[in-house]
Amino acid sequence: MDRATLIDTALRVAASFPAVTRGQPFGEGLEVFKVVDKVFAIITTSPAEPAAEVSGAGVVGAGTSGSAHTGRRAVVTLKCAPPHGRSLVRDHAGIIPGYHMNKEHWISLCPTDHTGAADAGADDTGATDSGAADAIDETLVEDLVGNSYDLIVAALPRARRPGV
């Protein structure tokens, strides 16, 4: 999925839930979606900076070799149950552990519209970009944003849950 479609889909879905607030507490270009003051989605809307690319281990410089995810720019960061997150990271080349977040409870979605070594076949985790199961599509993004919202709402005290 390309960057624009990923951003548009995530923004549309995140804004559609009840009791959601949207802000930019980290500055322009980073949309933060909350439900009852709890973050469930962070969406980067500013253009990607070529010098700061996401790798599985953190930020690496452009052109630097690193993990399988070198060159991927995190665009959408979502809450995710740990076992689900691990399987998503394993099975989808465009999903990495949460960028600048707790890697166990958050995932980041990266656009896959660029060329690079990770797209050429199997990477060092065994994932490939060649199969349909590896593709991030609109339905997957919608499901993951909805799941993130649901996880946050489920953790709220009943009296504070939207619609109760």
N, C-alpha and C. Protein backbone atom coordinates (compact mmCIF):
# COMPACT_ATOMS: atom_id res chain seq x y z
N MET A 1 0.85 -1.17 0.00
CA MET A 1 0.00 0.00 0.00
C MET A 1 0.90 1.24 0.00
N ASP A 2 0.55 2.21 -0.81
CA ASP A 2 1.37 3.41 -0.87
C ASP A 2 1.07 4.32 0.33
N ARG A 3 1.96 5.27 0.54
CA ARG A 3 1.91 6.16 1.71
C ARG A 3 0.59 6.95 1.80
N ALA A 4 0.18 7.56 0.69
CA ALA A 4 -1.03 8.39 0.70
C ALA A 4 -2.27 7.57 1.05
N THR A 5 -2.39 6.40 0.48
CA THR A 5 -3.55 5.54 0.76
C THR A 5 -3.54 5.07 2.20
N LEU A 6 -2.37 4.71 2.71
CA LEU A 6 -2.24 4.28 4.10
C LEU A 6 -2.67 5.39 5.05
N ILE A 7 -2.18 6.60 4.82
CA ILE A 7 -2.54 7.74 5.67
C ILE A 7 -4.03 8.03 5.57
N ASP A 8 -4.56 8.12 4.36
CA ASP A 8 -5.98 8.45 4.17
C ASP A 8 -6.88 7.42 4.84
N THR A 9 -6.57 6.15 4.68
CA THR A 9 -7.38 5.09 5.27
C THR A 9 -7.34 5.17 6.79
N ALA A 10 -6.16 5.30 7.35
CA ALA A 10 -6.02 5.36 8.81
C ALA A 10 -6.73 6.58 9.39
N LEU A 11 -6.58 7.75 8.75
CA LEU A 11 -7.24 8.96 9.23
C LEU A 11 -8.76 8.81 9.20
N ARG A 12 -9.27 8.29 8.09
CA ARG A 12 -10.72 8.12 7.93
C ARG A 12 -11.29 7.18 8.99
N VAL A 13 -10.65 6.05 9.20
CA VAL A 13 -11.16 5.05 10.14
C VAL A 13 -11.03 5.56 11.58
N ALA A 14 -9.88 6.11 11.93
CA ALA A 14 -9.67 6.58 13.31
C ALA A 14 -10.68 7.66 13.70
N ALA A 15 -11.02 8.53 12.77
CA ALA A 15 -11.95 9.62 13.06
C ALA A 15 -13.40 9.15 13.12
N SER A 16 -13.68 7.94 12.69
CA SER A 16 -15.06 7.46 12.59
C SER A 16 -15.63 6.89 13.88
N PHE A 17 -14.81 6.66 14.88
CA PHE A 17 -15.27 6.02 16.11
C PHE A 17 -15.87 7.03 17.09
N PRO A 18 -16.77 6.56 17.98
CA PRO A 18 -17.37 7.48 18.95
C PRO A 18 -16.36 7.97 19.99
N ALA A 19 -16.57 9.20 20.44
CA ALA A 19 -15.79 9.81 21.53
C ALA A 19 -14.31 9.98 21.21
N VAL A 20 -13.97 10.10 19.94
CA VAL A 20 -12.58 10.25 19.53
C VAL A 20 -12.22 11.73 19.47
N THR A 21 -11.03 12.05 19.99
CA THR A 21 -10.47 13.39 19.83
C THR A 21 -9.21 13.28 19.00
N ARG A 22 -8.92 14.36 18.29
CA ARG A 22 -7.75 14.38 17.40
C ARG A 22 -6.95 15.63 17.72
N GLY A 23 -5.65 15.48 17.82
CA GLY A 23 -4.80 16.62 18.11
C GLY A 23 -3.41 16.42 17.58
N GLN A 24 -2.56 17.42 17.81
CA GLN A 24 -1.17 17.37 17.39
C GLN A 24 -0.26 17.76 18.55
N PRO A 25 -0.29 16.98 19.64
CA PRO A 25 0.52 17.34 20.81
C PRO A 25 2.02 17.25 20.58
N PHE A 26 2.44 16.55 19.55
CA PHE A 26 3.87 16.39 19.27
C PHE A 26 4.32 17.30 18.14
N GLY A 27 3.43 18.16 17.67
CA GLY A 27 3.77 19.09 16.60
C GLY A 27 3.03 18.79 15.32
N GLU A 28 3.13 19.72 14.41
CA GLU A 28 2.46 19.60 13.13
C GLU A 28 2.97 18.38 12.37
N GLY A 29 2.05 17.68 11.74
CA GLY A 29 2.43 16.52 10.95
C GLY A 29 2.32 15.19 11.67
N LEU A 30 1.94 15.24 12.95
CA LEU A 30 1.74 14.00 13.70
C LEU A 30 0.35 14.05 14.34
N GLU A 31 -0.60 13.39 13.72
CA GLU A 31 -1.98 13.37 14.21
C GLU A 31 -2.11 12.28 15.27
N VAL A 32 -2.60 12.65 16.44
CA VAL A 32 -2.77 11.72 17.55
C VAL A 32 -4.27 11.57 17.81
N PHE A 33 -4.74 10.33 17.77
CA PHE A 33 -6.15 10.04 18.03
C PHE A 33 -6.28 9.40 19.40
N LYS A 34 -7.24 9.93 20.18
CA LYS A 34 -7.46 9.43 21.54
C LYS A 34 -8.93 9.12 21.72
N VAL A 35 -9.19 8.18 22.63
CA VAL A 35 -10.54 7.93 23.11
C VAL A 35 -10.47 8.05 24.63
N VAL A 36 -11.26 8.93 25.19
CA VAL A 36 -11.25 9.22 26.62
C VAL A 36 -9.81 9.45 27.12
N ASP A 37 -9.10 10.32 26.43
CA ASP A 37 -7.73 10.72 26.78
C ASP A 37 -6.68 9.61 26.70
N LYS A 38 -6.98 8.52 26.04
CA LYS A 38 -6.02 7.42 25.85
C LYS A 38 -5.70 7.29 24.37
N VAL A 39 -4.43 7.32 24.03
CA VAL A 39 -3.99 7.25 22.63
C VAL A 39 -4.25 5.86 22.05
N PHE A 40 -4.82 5.83 20.85
CA PHE A 40 -4.97 4.55 20.15
C PHE A 40 -4.35 4.58 18.75
N ALA A 41 -4.03 5.77 18.23
CA ALA A 41 -3.41 5.85 16.91
C ALA A 41 -2.57 7.11 16.79
N ILE A 42 -1.40 6.96 16.18
CA ILE A 42 -0.54 8.10 15.84
C ILE A 42 -0.26 7.98 14.35
N ILE A 43 -0.61 9.03 13.61
CA ILE A 43 -0.49 8.98 12.16
C ILE A 43 0.38 10.14 11.69
N THR A 44 1.46 9.81 10.98
CA THR A 44 2.37 10.81 10.44
C THR A 44 1.80 11.31 9.13
N THR A 45 1.49 12.61 9.09
CA THR A 45 0.95 13.19 7.86
C THR A 45 1.95 14.07 7.14
N SER A 46 3.08 14.37 7.78
CA SER A 46 4.10 15.19 7.14
C SER A 46 4.90 14.33 6.17
N PRO A 47 5.52 14.96 5.19
CA PRO A 47 6.34 14.19 4.25
C PRO A 47 7.48 13.49 4.98
N ALA A 48 7.84 12.30 4.50
CA ALA A 48 8.93 11.54 5.12
C ALA A 48 10.24 12.26 4.89
N GLU A 49 11.09 12.24 5.90
CA GLU A 49 12.41 12.83 5.78
C GLU A 49 13.39 11.74 5.36
N PRO A 50 14.10 11.91 4.25
CA PRO A 50 14.99 10.87 3.75
C PRO A 50 16.11 10.50 4.71
N ALA A 51 16.50 11.39 5.62
CA ALA A 51 17.61 11.10 6.52
C ALA A 51 17.19 10.25 7.71
N ALA A 52 15.91 10.13 7.97
CA ALA A 52 15.46 9.37 9.14
C ALA A 52 14.56 8.23 8.70
N GLU A 53 15.16 7.09 8.50
CA GLU A 53 14.42 5.91 8.06
C GLU A 53 14.30 4.94 9.22
N VAL A 54 13.21 4.22 9.25
CA VAL A 54 12.97 3.28 10.33
C VAL A 54 13.59 1.94 10.00
N SER A 55 14.27 1.37 10.98
CA SER A 55 14.74 0.00 10.86
C SER A 55 14.13 -0.78 12.00
N GLY A 56 14.29 -2.06 11.99
CA GLY A 56 13.77 -2.87 13.08
C GLY A 56 14.40 -2.50 14.41
N ALA A 57 15.56 -1.88 14.40
CA ALA A 57 16.27 -1.54 15.63
C ALA A 57 16.16 -0.07 16.00
N GLY A 58 15.59 0.76 15.15
CA GLY A 58 15.49 2.17 15.46
C GLY A 58 15.63 3.00 14.20
N VAL A 59 16.29 4.15 14.30
CA VAL A 59 16.46 5.02 13.15
C VAL A 59 17.87 4.83 12.61
N VAL A 60 17.94 4.72 11.29
CA VAL A 60 19.23 4.60 10.63
C VAL A 60 19.30 5.65 9.54
N GLY A 61 20.49 6.02 9.14
CA GLY A 61 20.65 7.02 8.08
C GLY A 61 20.28 6.45 6.73
N ALA A 62 19.96 7.32 5.81
CA ALA A 62 19.61 6.90 4.46
C ALA A 62 20.77 6.14 3.84
N GLY A 63 20.45 5.02 3.23
CA GLY A 63 21.45 4.22 2.56
C GLY A 63 22.26 3.32 3.48
N THR A 64 21.98 3.35 4.75
CA THR A 64 22.71 2.51 5.69
C THR A 64 22.13 1.12 5.67
N SER A 65 22.98 0.13 5.66
CA SER A 65 22.46 -1.22 5.74
C SER A 65 22.10 -1.52 7.18
N GLY A 66 21.10 -2.32 7.38
CA GLY A 66 20.65 -2.63 8.73
C GLY A 66 19.72 -3.82 8.68
N SER A 67 18.65 -3.76 9.40
CA SER A 67 17.72 -4.88 9.43
C SER A 67 16.93 -4.95 8.13
N ALA A 68 16.02 -5.89 8.09
CA ALA A 68 15.17 -6.08 6.92
C ALA A 68 14.29 -4.89 6.65
N HIS A 69 14.03 -4.06 7.66
CA HIS A 69 13.10 -2.95 7.49
C HIS A 69 13.81 -1.63 7.22
N THR A 70 15.12 -1.66 6.94
CA THR A 70 15.82 -0.43 6.62
C THR A 70 15.16 0.21 5.40
N GLY A 71 14.91 1.50 5.49
CA GLY A 71 14.29 2.20 4.38
C GLY A 71 12.79 2.33 4.55
N ARG A 72 12.20 1.68 5.51
CA ARG A 72 10.76 1.80 5.75
C ARG A 72 10.52 2.97 6.67
N ARG A 73 9.56 3.80 6.34
CA ARG A 73 9.21 4.93 7.18
C ARG A 73 7.88 4.64 7.87
N ALA A 74 7.91 4.63 9.19
CA ALA A 74 6.68 4.39 9.94
C ALA A 74 5.71 5.52 9.70
N VAL A 75 4.48 5.18 9.39
CA VAL A 75 3.46 6.17 9.08
C VAL A 75 2.30 6.09 10.07
N VAL A 76 1.90 4.88 10.44
CA VAL A 76 0.76 4.69 11.33
C VAL A 76 1.21 3.79 12.48
N THR A 77 1.03 4.26 13.71
CA THR A 77 1.39 3.47 14.88
C THR A 77 0.12 3.20 15.68
N LEU A 78 -0.08 1.91 16.03
CA LEU A 78 -1.33 1.46 16.65
C LEU A 78 -1.07 0.53 17.82
N LYS A 79 -1.98 0.54 18.77
CA LYS A 79 -1.96 -0.40 19.90
C LYS A 79 -2.30 -1.79 19.35
N CYS A 80 -1.67 -2.81 19.91
CA CYS A 80 -1.91 -4.17 19.43
C CYS A 80 -1.60 -5.16 20.55
N ALA A 81 -2.40 -6.20 20.69
CA ALA A 81 -2.12 -7.24 21.68
C ALA A 81 -0.79 -7.91 21.31
N PRO A 82 0.07 -8.18 22.30
CA PRO A 82 1.41 -8.72 22.00
C PRO A 82 1.46 -9.94 21.07
N PRO A 83 0.66 -10.99 21.29
CA PRO A 83 0.77 -12.14 20.36
C PRO A 83 0.36 -11.77 18.93
N HIS A 84 -0.67 -10.94 18.82
CA HIS A 84 -1.14 -10.50 17.50
C HIS A 84 -0.07 -9.65 16.83
N GLY A 85 0.54 -8.74 17.59
CA GLY A 85 1.59 -7.89 17.05
C GLY A 85 2.78 -8.68 16.54
N ARG A 86 3.20 -9.68 17.32
CA ARG A 86 4.34 -10.51 16.89
C ARG A 86 4.04 -11.24 15.59
N SER A 87 2.84 -11.76 15.46
CA SER A 87 2.50 -12.49 14.22
C SER A 87 2.38 -11.52 13.04
N LEU A 88 1.87 -10.32 13.27
CA LEU A 88 1.79 -9.34 12.18
C LEU A 88 3.18 -8.92 11.71
N VAL A 89 4.08 -8.68 12.65
CA VAL A 89 5.46 -8.31 12.30
C VAL A 89 6.13 -9.45 11.53
N ARG A 90 5.89 -10.68 11.97
CA ARG A 90 6.48 -11.85 11.30
C ARG A 90 5.94 -12.03 9.89
N ASP A 91 4.64 -11.80 9.70
CA ASP A 91 3.99 -12.15 8.44
C ASP A 91 3.88 -11.02 7.42
N HIS A 92 4.11 -9.78 7.84
CA HIS A 92 3.94 -8.64 6.93
C HIS A 92 5.19 -7.78 6.93
N ALA A 93 5.81 -7.67 5.77
CA ALA A 93 7.03 -6.87 5.64
C ALA A 93 6.79 -5.39 5.94
N GLY A 94 5.57 -4.90 5.78
CA GLY A 94 5.25 -3.50 6.01
C GLY A 94 4.81 -3.20 7.43
N ILE A 95 4.94 -4.16 8.35
CA ILE A 95 4.58 -3.94 9.75
C ILE A 95 5.80 -4.22 10.61
N ILE A 96 6.13 -3.25 11.46
CA ILE A 96 7.30 -3.35 12.33
C ILE A 96 6.85 -3.12 13.78
N PRO A 97 7.69 -3.48 14.75
CA PRO A 97 7.35 -3.14 16.15
C PRO A 97 7.20 -1.63 16.27
N GLY A 98 6.35 -1.17 17.17
CA GLY A 98 6.01 0.24 17.31
C GLY A 98 7.19 1.19 17.36
N TYR A 99 7.24 2.10 16.41
CA TYR A 99 8.30 3.07 16.30
C TYR A 99 8.17 4.09 17.43
N HIS A 100 9.21 4.23 18.24
CA HIS A 100 9.23 5.13 19.40
C HIS A 100 8.16 4.79 20.44
N MET A 101 7.73 3.55 20.48
CA MET A 101 6.70 3.11 21.42
C MET A 101 7.15 1.79 22.04
N ASN A 102 6.39 1.29 23.01
CA ASN A 102 6.66 -0.01 23.60
C ASN A 102 6.50 -1.06 22.51
N LYS A 103 7.59 -1.71 22.17
CA LYS A 103 7.60 -2.66 21.04
C LYS A 103 6.70 -3.87 21.25
N GLU A 104 6.34 -4.15 22.49
CA GLU A 104 5.50 -5.30 22.77
C GLU A 104 4.02 -4.99 22.55
N HIS A 105 3.62 -3.74 22.78
CA HIS A 105 2.19 -3.40 22.75
C HIS A 105 1.79 -2.50 21.59
N TRP A 106 2.74 -2.11 20.75
CA TRP A 106 2.44 -1.21 19.64
C TRP A 106 3.09 -1.73 18.37
N ILE A 107 2.44 -1.48 17.23
CA ILE A 107 3.01 -1.80 15.92
C ILE A 107 2.98 -0.54 15.07
N SER A 108 3.84 -0.50 14.06
CA SER A 108 3.84 0.60 13.11
C SER A 108 3.69 0.03 11.71
N LEU A 109 2.86 0.70 10.92
CA LEU A 109 2.64 0.32 9.53
C LEU A 109 3.47 1.25 8.65
N CYS A 110 4.13 0.66 7.68
CA CYS A 110 5.01 1.41 6.78
C CYS A 110 4.53 1.22 5.35
N PRO A 111 4.59 2.28 4.54
CA PRO A 111 4.21 2.12 3.13
C PRO A 111 5.18 1.18 2.44
N THR A 112 4.69 0.48 1.46
CA THR A 112 5.52 -0.48 0.73
C THR A 112 5.61 -0.11 -0.74
N ASP A 113 5.62 1.19 -1.01
CA ASP A 113 5.64 1.65 -2.40
C ASP A 113 7.03 2.04 -2.88
N HIS A 114 8.07 1.59 -2.19
CA HIS A 114 9.44 1.89 -2.59
C HIS A 114 10.14 0.61 -2.98
N THR A 115 11.29 0.75 -3.60
CA THR A 115 12.08 -0.43 -3.92
C THR A 115 13.21 -0.54 -2.91
N GLY A 116 13.62 -1.74 -2.63
CA GLY A 116 14.70 -1.93 -1.67
C GLY A 116 14.99 -3.40 -1.51
N ALA A 117 16.04 -3.70 -0.79
CA ALA A 117 16.47 -5.08 -0.61
C ALA A 117 15.40 -5.92 0.05
N ALA A 118 14.64 -5.35 0.97
CA ALA A 118 13.63 -6.13 1.68
C ALA A 118 12.50 -6.54 0.76
N ASP A 119 12.29 -5.78 -0.34
CA ASP A 119 11.21 -6.11 -1.26
C ASP A 119 11.60 -7.16 -2.28
N ALA A 120 12.88 -7.48 -2.37
CA ALA A 120 13.36 -8.38 -3.42
C ALA A 120 13.10 -9.85 -3.12
N GLY A 121 12.70 -10.19 -1.94
CA GLY A 121 12.47 -11.58 -1.60
C GLY A 121 12.49 -11.74 -0.10
N ALA A 122 12.98 -12.87 0.37
CA ALA A 122 13.01 -13.13 1.80
C ALA A 122 14.01 -12.21 2.49
N ASP A 123 13.63 -11.70 3.66
CA ASP A 123 14.55 -10.90 4.45
C ASP A 123 15.10 -11.77 5.57
N ASP A 124 15.83 -11.16 6.51
CA ASP A 124 16.46 -11.97 7.55
C ASP A 124 15.48 -12.53 8.58
N THR A 125 14.19 -12.14 8.49
CA THR A 125 13.19 -12.72 9.38
C THR A 125 12.41 -13.82 8.67
N GLY A 126 12.68 -14.00 7.38
CA GLY A 126 11.98 -15.02 6.61
C GLY A 126 10.75 -14.50 5.90
N ALA A 127 10.38 -13.23 6.14
CA ALA A 127 9.20 -12.67 5.49
C ALA A 127 9.54 -12.25 4.07
N THR A 128 8.57 -12.31 3.19
CA THR A 128 8.76 -11.85 1.82
C THR A 128 7.65 -10.89 1.47
N ASP A 129 7.88 -10.10 0.42
CA ASP A 129 6.85 -9.19 -0.07
C ASP A 129 6.12 -9.79 -1.26
N SER A 130 6.42 -11.02 -1.63
CA SER A 130 5.86 -11.57 -2.85
C SER A 130 4.47 -12.16 -2.70
N GLY A 131 4.09 -12.57 -1.50
CA GLY A 131 2.80 -13.22 -1.32
C GLY A 131 1.70 -12.27 -0.93
N ALA A 132 0.46 -12.64 -1.26
CA ALA A 132 -0.69 -11.82 -0.92
C ALA A 132 -0.83 -11.67 0.58
N ALA A 133 -0.40 -12.68 1.35
CA ALA A 133 -0.53 -12.62 2.80
C ALA A 133 0.36 -11.53 3.39
N ASP A 134 1.38 -11.11 2.65
CA ASP A 134 2.31 -10.11 3.15
C ASP A 134 1.83 -8.68 2.87
N ALA A 135 0.85 -8.53 1.99
CA ALA A 135 0.41 -7.20 1.58
C ALA A 135 -0.40 -6.52 2.68
N ILE A 136 -0.13 -5.22 2.84
CA ILE A 136 -0.98 -4.40 3.70
C ILE A 136 -2.01 -3.80 2.77
N ASP A 137 -3.26 -4.14 2.99
CA ASP A 137 -4.31 -3.58 2.15
C ASP A 137 -5.26 -2.75 3.01
N GLU A 138 -6.22 -2.14 2.36
CA GLU A 138 -7.15 -1.24 3.05
C GLU A 138 -7.92 -1.96 4.15
N THR A 139 -8.34 -3.17 3.90
CA THR A 139 -9.10 -3.94 4.90
C THR A 139 -8.25 -4.21 6.13
N LEU A 140 -6.98 -4.56 5.94
CA LEU A 140 -6.10 -4.81 7.08
C LEU A 140 -5.91 -3.54 7.91
N VAL A 141 -5.68 -2.41 7.24
CA VAL A 141 -5.51 -1.14 7.96
C VAL A 141 -6.78 -0.81 8.74
N GLU A 142 -7.94 -0.95 8.12
CA GLU A 142 -9.21 -0.69 8.81
C GLU A 142 -9.35 -1.58 10.04
N ASP A 143 -9.04 -2.86 9.89
CA ASP A 143 -9.14 -3.81 11.00
C ASP A 143 -8.16 -3.48 12.13
N LEU A 144 -6.94 -3.11 11.78
CA LEU A 144 -5.94 -2.81 12.80
C LEU A 144 -6.25 -1.52 13.57
N VAL A 145 -6.75 -0.51 12.87
CA VAL A 145 -7.15 0.73 13.55
C VAL A 145 -8.34 0.45 14.47
N GLY A 146 -9.31 -0.32 13.99
CA GLY A 146 -10.46 -0.70 14.81
C GLY A 146 -10.06 -1.52 16.02
N ASN A 147 -9.13 -2.43 15.83
CA ASN A 147 -8.64 -3.26 16.92
C ASN A 147 -7.93 -2.41 17.98
N SER A 148 -7.15 -1.43 17.54
CA SER A 148 -6.45 -0.54 18.46
C SER A 148 -7.46 0.24 19.30
N TYR A 149 -8.47 0.79 18.66
CA TYR A 149 -9.53 1.51 19.37
C TYR A 149 -10.22 0.59 20.38
N ASP A 150 -10.58 -0.61 19.94
CA ASP A 150 -11.27 -1.56 20.81
C ASP A 150 -10.43 -1.96 22.03
N LEU A 151 -9.12 -2.13 21.84
CA LEU A 151 -8.24 -2.47 22.97
C LEU A 151 -8.24 -1.37 24.02
N ILE A 152 -8.19 -0.13 23.58
CA ILE A 152 -8.18 0.99 24.52
C ILE A 152 -9.52 1.09 25.24
N VAL A 153 -10.61 0.98 24.51
CA VAL A 153 -11.95 1.08 25.11
C VAL A 153 -12.17 -0.04 26.12
N ALA A 154 -11.74 -1.25 25.78
CA ALA A 154 -11.93 -2.39 26.68
C ALA A 154 -11.18 -2.22 28.00
N ALA A 155 -10.09 -1.46 27.98
CA ALA A 155 -9.30 -1.25 29.19
C ALA A 155 -9.83 -0.11 30.06
N LEU A 156 -10.78 0.65 29.52
CA LEU A 156 -11.36 1.76 30.29
C LEU A 156 -12.35 1.23 31.33
N PRO A 157 -12.50 1.95 32.44
CA PRO A 157 -13.56 1.58 33.39
C PRO A 157 -14.91 1.67 32.67
N ARG A 158 -15.82 0.78 32.99
CA ARG A 158 -17.12 0.74 32.29
C ARG A 158 -17.81 2.11 32.24
N ALA A 159 -17.76 2.84 33.32
CA ALA A 159 -18.44 4.15 33.38
C ALA A 159 -17.85 5.16 32.40
N ARG A 160 -16.61 4.98 31.97
CA ARG A 160 -15.96 5.92 31.06
C ARG A 160 -15.98 5.48 29.60
N ARG A 161 -16.47 4.28 29.34
CA ARG A 161 -16.49 3.77 27.97
C ARG A 161 -17.53 4.54 27.14
N PRO A 162 -17.19 4.85 25.89
CA PRO A 162 -18.15 5.54 25.02
C PRO A 162 -19.42 4.72 24.84
N GLY A 163 -20.55 5.40 24.89
CA GLY A 163 -21.83 4.74 24.68
C GLY A 163 -22.41 4.03 25.88
N VAL A 164 -21.75 4.12 27.03
CA VAL A 164 -22.26 3.44 28.23
C VAL A 164 -22.95 4.43 29.13
